[in-house]
């Protein structure tokens, strides 16, 4: 589910602008946002931590 502030706080003039904003938001949300359940790391940081600790 998309966070409503992503599209309510922005005005998109074309479908392409909306599509680019959605792709950027999903990338941020899935990979770059800090998550408390991952010890306040981003998913990318957590994956790197797991790889280093497994070696």
C-alpha atoms as a PDB file:
ATOM      1  CA  UNK A   1       0.000   0.000   0.000  1.00  0.00           C
ATOM      2  CA  UNK A   2       1.344   3.422  -0.934  1.00  0.00           C
ATOM      3  CA  UNK A   3       1.730   6.076   1.689  1.00  0.00           C
ATOM      4  CA  UNK A   4      -0.786   8.776   0.857  1.00  0.00           C
ATOM      5  CA  UNK A   5       1.667  11.642   1.433  1.00  0.00           C
ATOM      6  CA  UNK A   6       3.683  10.470  -1.577  1.00  0.00           C
ATOM      7  CA  UNK A   7       0.979  11.500  -4.000  1.00  0.00           C
ATOM      8  CA  UNK A   8      -1.186  13.944  -2.020  1.00  0.00           C
ATOM      9  CA  UNK A   9       1.692  16.349  -1.409  1.00  0.00           C
ATOM     10  CA  UNK A  10       2.789  16.369  -5.060  1.00  0.00           C
ATOM     11  CA  UNK A  11       1.229  17.480  -8.306  1.00  0.00           C
ATOM     12  CA  UNK A  12       1.972  15.383 -11.356  1.00  0.00           C
ATOM     13  CA  UNK A  13       1.444  16.878 -14.788  1.00  0.00           C
ATOM     14  CA  UNK A  14       1.938  13.694 -16.775  1.00  0.00           C
ATOM     15  CA  UNK A  15       1.577   9.978 -16.318  1.00  0.00           C
ATOM     16  CA  UNK A  16       5.340   9.642 -16.775  1.00  0.00           C
ATOM     17  CA  UNK A  17       6.012  11.979 -13.819  1.00  0.00           C
ATOM     18  CA  UNK A  18       3.658   9.939 -11.643  1.00  0.00           C
ATOM     19  CA  UNK A  19       5.229   6.671 -12.765  1.00  0.00           C
ATOM     20  CA  UNK A  20       8.764   7.952 -12.058  1.00  0.00           C
ATOM     21  CA  UNK A  21       7.708   9.188  -8.610  1.00  0.00           C
ATOM     22  CA  UNK A  22       6.169   5.808  -7.763  1.00  0.00           C
ATOM     23  CA  UNK A  23       9.279   3.923  -8.879  1.00  0.00           C
ATOM     24  CA  UNK A  24      11.505   6.258  -6.852  1.00  0.00           C
ATOM     25  CA  UNK A  25       9.276   5.926  -3.781  1.00  0.00           C
ATOM     26  CA  UNK A  26       9.179   2.117  -3.947  1.00  0.00           C
ATOM     27  CA  UNK A  27      12.974   2.004  -4.310  1.00  0.00           C
ATOM     28  CA  UNK A  28      13.391   4.253  -1.270  1.00  0.00           C
ATOM     29  CA  UNK A  29      10.761   2.436   0.792  1.00  0.00           C
ATOM     30  CA  UNK A  30      12.125  -1.036   0.077  1.00  0.00           C
ATOM     31  CA  UNK A  31      15.856  -0.346   0.203  1.00  0.00           C
ATOM     32  CA  UNK A  32      16.850   2.926   1.828  1.00  0.00           C
ATOM     33  CA  UNK A  33      14.468   3.691   4.682  1.00  0.00           C
ATOM     34  CA  UNK A  34      15.645   2.937   8.215  1.00  0.00           C
ATOM     35  CA  UNK A  35      13.642   0.182   9.890  1.00  0.00           C
ATOM     36  CA  UNK A  36      13.397  -0.364  13.607  1.00  0.00           C
ATOM     37  CA  UNK A  37      13.008  -4.130  13.206  1.00  0.00           C
ATOM     38  CA  UNK A  38      16.394  -4.236  11.439  1.00  0.00           C
ATOM     39  CA  UNK A  39      18.186  -2.538  14.353  1.00  0.00           C
ATOM     40  CA  UNK A  40      17.634   0.875  12.751  1.00  0.00           C
ATOM     41  CA  UNK A  41      19.481  -0.101   9.581  1.00  0.00           C
ATOM     42  CA  UNK A  42      18.285   0.182   6.031  1.00  0.00           C
ATOM     43  CA  UNK A  43      17.527  -3.117   4.273  1.00  0.00           C
ATOM     44  CA  UNK A  44      20.668  -2.652   2.151  1.00  0.00           C
ATOM     45  CA  UNK A  45      22.811  -2.081   5.252  1.00  0.00           C
ATOM     46  CA  UNK A  46      21.239  -5.093   6.941  1.00  0.00           C
ATOM     47  CA  UNK A  47      21.914  -7.368   3.955  1.00  0.00           C
ATOM     48  CA  UNK A  48      25.546  -6.211   3.915  1.00  0.00           C
ATOM     49  CA  UNK A  49      25.779  -6.828   7.691  1.00  0.00           C
ATOM     50  CA  UNK A  50      24.427 -10.367   7.252  1.00  0.00           C
ATOM     51  CA  UNK A  51      26.843 -11.096   4.418  1.00  0.00           C
ATOM     52  CA  UNK A  52      29.816  -9.906   6.458  1.00  0.00           C
ATOM     53  CA  UNK A  53      28.758 -11.769   9.595  1.00  0.00           C
ATOM     54  CA  UNK A  54      28.224 -15.026   7.652  1.00  0.00           C
ATOM     55  CA  UNK A  55      31.734 -14.947   6.185  1.00  0.00           C
END
